[in-house]
PDB file of N, CA and C in Angstrom:
ATOM      1  N   MET A   1       1.189  22.504  15.152  1.00  0.00           N
ATOM      2  CA  MET A   1       2.059  22.483  15.638  1.00  0.00           C
ATOM      3  C   MET A   1       1.391  21.418  16.532  1.00  0.00           C
ATOM      4  N   ASN A   2       0.577  19.366  15.555  1.00  0.00           N
ATOM      5  CA  ASN A   2       0.764  18.431  15.818  1.00  0.00           C
ATOM      6  C   ASN A   2       2.246  17.766  17.494  1.00  0.00           C
ATOM      7  N   ILE A   3       1.540  17.646  18.629  1.00  0.00           N
ATOM      8  CA  ILE A   3       2.425  17.789  19.912  1.00  0.00           C
ATOM      9  C   ILE A   3       2.158  15.531  20.298  1.00  0.00           C
ATOM     10  N   LEU A   4       2.583  14.546  20.298  1.00  0.00           N
ATOM     11  CA  LEU A   4       2.138  13.429  20.735  1.00  0.00           C
ATOM     12  C   LEU A   4       3.028  13.902  21.884  1.00  0.00           C
ATOM     13  N   ILE A   5       2.713  13.193  23.184  1.00  0.00           N
ATOM     14  CA  ILE A   5       2.780  13.372  24.456  1.00  0.00           C
ATOM     15  C   ILE A   5       2.944  12.389  25.421  1.00  0.00           C
ATOM     16  N   THR A   6       4.094  11.480  25.378  1.00  0.00           N
ATOM     17  CA  THR A   6       4.171  10.070  26.101  1.00  0.00           C
ATOM     18  C   THR A   6       4.322   9.791  27.941  1.00  0.00           C
ATOM     19  N   GLY A   7       3.740   9.934  28.342  1.00  0.00           N
ATOM     20  CA  GLY A   7       3.508   9.893  29.258  1.00  0.00           C
ATOM     21  C   GLY A   7       3.104  10.737  30.085  1.00  0.00           C
ATOM     22  N   ILE A   8       1.070  11.471  30.059  1.00  0.00           N
ATOM     23  CA  ILE A   8       1.342  12.306  29.897  1.00  0.00           C
ATOM     24  C   ILE A   8       0.996  12.371  31.334  1.00  0.00           C
ATOM     25  N   HIS A   9       0.264  11.420  32.093  1.00  0.00           N
ATOM     26  CA  HIS A   9      -0.510  10.722  33.343  1.00  0.00           C
ATOM     27  C   HIS A   9       0.978  12.191  34.758  1.00  0.00           C
ATOM     28  N   GLY A  10       2.411  12.037  34.077  1.00  0.00           N
ATOM     29  CA  GLY A  10       3.528  12.328  34.967  1.00  0.00           C
ATOM     30  C   GLY A  10       3.333  13.251  34.996  1.00  0.00           C
ATOM     31  N   PHE A  11       4.647  13.850  35.883  1.00  0.00           N
ATOM     32  CA  PHE A  11       5.230  15.081  36.567  1.00  0.00           C
ATOM     33  C   PHE A  11       5.451  16.011  34.995  1.00  0.00           C
ATOM     34  N   VAL A  12       6.504  15.024  34.503  1.00  0.00           N
ATOM     35  CA  VAL A  12       6.736  16.365  33.275  1.00  0.00           C
ATOM     36  C   VAL A  12       5.426  16.002  32.254  1.00  0.00           C
ATOM     37  N   GLY A  13       4.853  15.196  31.828  1.00  0.00           N
ATOM     38  CA  GLY A  13       3.921  14.964  30.736  1.00  0.00           C
ATOM     39  C   GLY A  13       2.847  16.172  31.636  1.00  0.00           C
ATOM     40  N   SER A  14       2.521  16.316  32.497  1.00  0.00           N
ATOM     41  CA  SER A  14       1.176  16.891  33.046  1.00  0.00           C
ATOM     42  C   SER A  14       2.063  19.061  32.676  1.00  0.00           C
ATOM     43  N   ASN A  15       3.359  18.703  32.886  1.00  0.00           N
ATOM     44  CA  ASN A  15       3.758  20.166  33.253  1.00  0.00           C
ATOM     45  C   ASN A  15       3.510  20.900  31.351  1.00  0.00           C
ATOM     46  N   LEU A  16       4.251  19.748  30.676  1.00  0.00           N
ATOM     47  CA  LEU A  16       3.983  20.108  28.966  1.00  0.00           C
ATOM     48  C   LEU A  16       2.682  20.795  28.818  1.00  0.00           C
ATOM     49  N   VAL A  17       2.101  20.385  28.743  1.00  0.00           N
ATOM     50  CA  VAL A  17       0.438  20.125  28.862  1.00  0.00           C
ATOM     51  C   VAL A  17       0.194  21.868  28.366  1.00  0.00           C
ATOM     52  N   VAL A  18       0.625  21.862  30.331  1.00  0.00           N
ATOM     53  CA  VAL A  18      -0.531  23.787  31.123  1.00  0.00           C
ATOM     54  C   VAL A  18       0.646  24.327  29.565  1.00  0.00           C
ATOM     55  N   ALA A  19       1.599  24.128  29.682  1.00  0.00           N
ATOM     56  CA  ALA A  19       2.560  25.056  28.930  1.00  0.00           C
ATOM     57  C   ALA A  19       2.927  25.012  27.045  1.00  0.00           C
ATOM     58  N   LEU A  20       1.678  24.235  26.872  1.00  0.00           N
ATOM     59  CA  LEU A  20       2.332  24.182  25.313  1.00  0.00           C
ATOM     60  C   LEU A  20      -0.074  24.566  24.705  1.00  0.00           C
ATOM     61  N   LYS A  21      -0.738  24.268  26.247  1.00  0.00           N
ATOM     62  CA  LYS A  21      -1.793  24.057  25.101  1.00  0.00           C
ATOM     63  C   LYS A  21      -2.059  25.149  24.584  1.00  0.00           C
ATOM     64  N   GLU A  22      -1.968  26.063  24.856  1.00  0.00           N
ATOM     65  CA  GLU A  22      -2.101  27.311  23.771  1.00  0.00           C
ATOM     66  C   GLU A  22      -2.066  27.341  22.575  1.00  0.00           C
ATOM     67  N   HIS A  23      -0.854  27.409  22.092  1.00  0.00           N
ATOM     68  CA  HIS A  23      -0.398  27.360  21.425  1.00  0.00           C
ATOM     69  C   HIS A  23      -0.613  26.509  20.426  1.00  0.00           C
ATOM     70  N   HIS A  24      -0.024  24.623  21.384  1.00  0.00           N
ATOM     71  CA  HIS A  24      -0.077  23.219  19.692  1.00  0.00           C
ATOM     72  C   HIS A  24      -1.804  22.801  20.427  1.00  0.00           C
ATOM     73  N   SER A  25      -1.405  21.134  19.342  1.00  0.00           N
ATOM     74  CA  SER A  25      -2.763  20.987  19.425  1.00  0.00           C
ATOM     75  C   SER A  25      -1.627  20.040  20.415  1.00  0.00           C
ATOM     76  N   LEU A  26      -2.465  18.969  21.089  1.00  0.00           N
ATOM     77  CA  LEU A  26      -1.845  17.601  21.875  1.00  0.00           C
ATOM     78  C   LEU A  26      -2.587  16.480  22.163  1.00  0.00           C
ATOM     79  N   TYR A  27      -1.785  15.462  22.224  1.00  0.00           N
ATOM     80  CA  TYR A  27      -1.640  14.629  22.340  1.00  0.00           C
ATOM     81  C   TYR A  27      -0.908  13.885  23.311  1.00  0.00           C
ATOM     82  N   GLY A  28      -2.379  12.958  24.035  1.00  0.00           N
ATOM     83  CA  GLY A  28      -1.357  12.312  25.160  1.00  0.00           C
ATOM     84  C   GLY A  28      -1.292  10.584  24.704  1.00  0.00           C
ATOM     85  N   LEU A  29      -0.218  10.123  25.616  1.00  0.00           N
ATOM     86  CA  LEU A  29      -1.059   8.804  25.654  1.00  0.00           C
ATOM     87  C   LEU A  29       0.063   8.336  27.224  1.00  0.00           C
ATOM     88  N   ASP A  30      -0.689   6.701  27.847  1.00  0.00           N
ATOM     89  CA  ASP A  30      -0.293   6.672  28.911  1.00  0.00           C
ATOM     90  C   ASP A  30      -0.700   5.261  29.003  1.00  0.00           C
ATOM     91  N   ILE A  31       0.337   4.533  29.739  1.00  0.00           N
ATOM     92  CA  ILE A  31       0.229   3.058  29.706  1.00  0.00           C
ATOM     93  C   ILE A  31      -1.156   3.591  30.925  1.00  0.00           C
ATOM     94  N   VAL A  32      -2.014   2.779  31.220  1.00  0.00           N
ATOM     95  CA  VAL A  32      -2.640   2.971  32.235  1.00  0.00           C
ATOM     96  C   VAL A  32      -3.239   0.928  32.846  1.00  0.00           C
TER      97      VAL A  32
END
């Protein structure tokens, strides 16, 4: 499954990447 995570550099976003990266294709979006 393709998943877009907004706020990837925050606390919740970074932990979601760790939890989901093995089984899903992840894309991150954050305002810099």
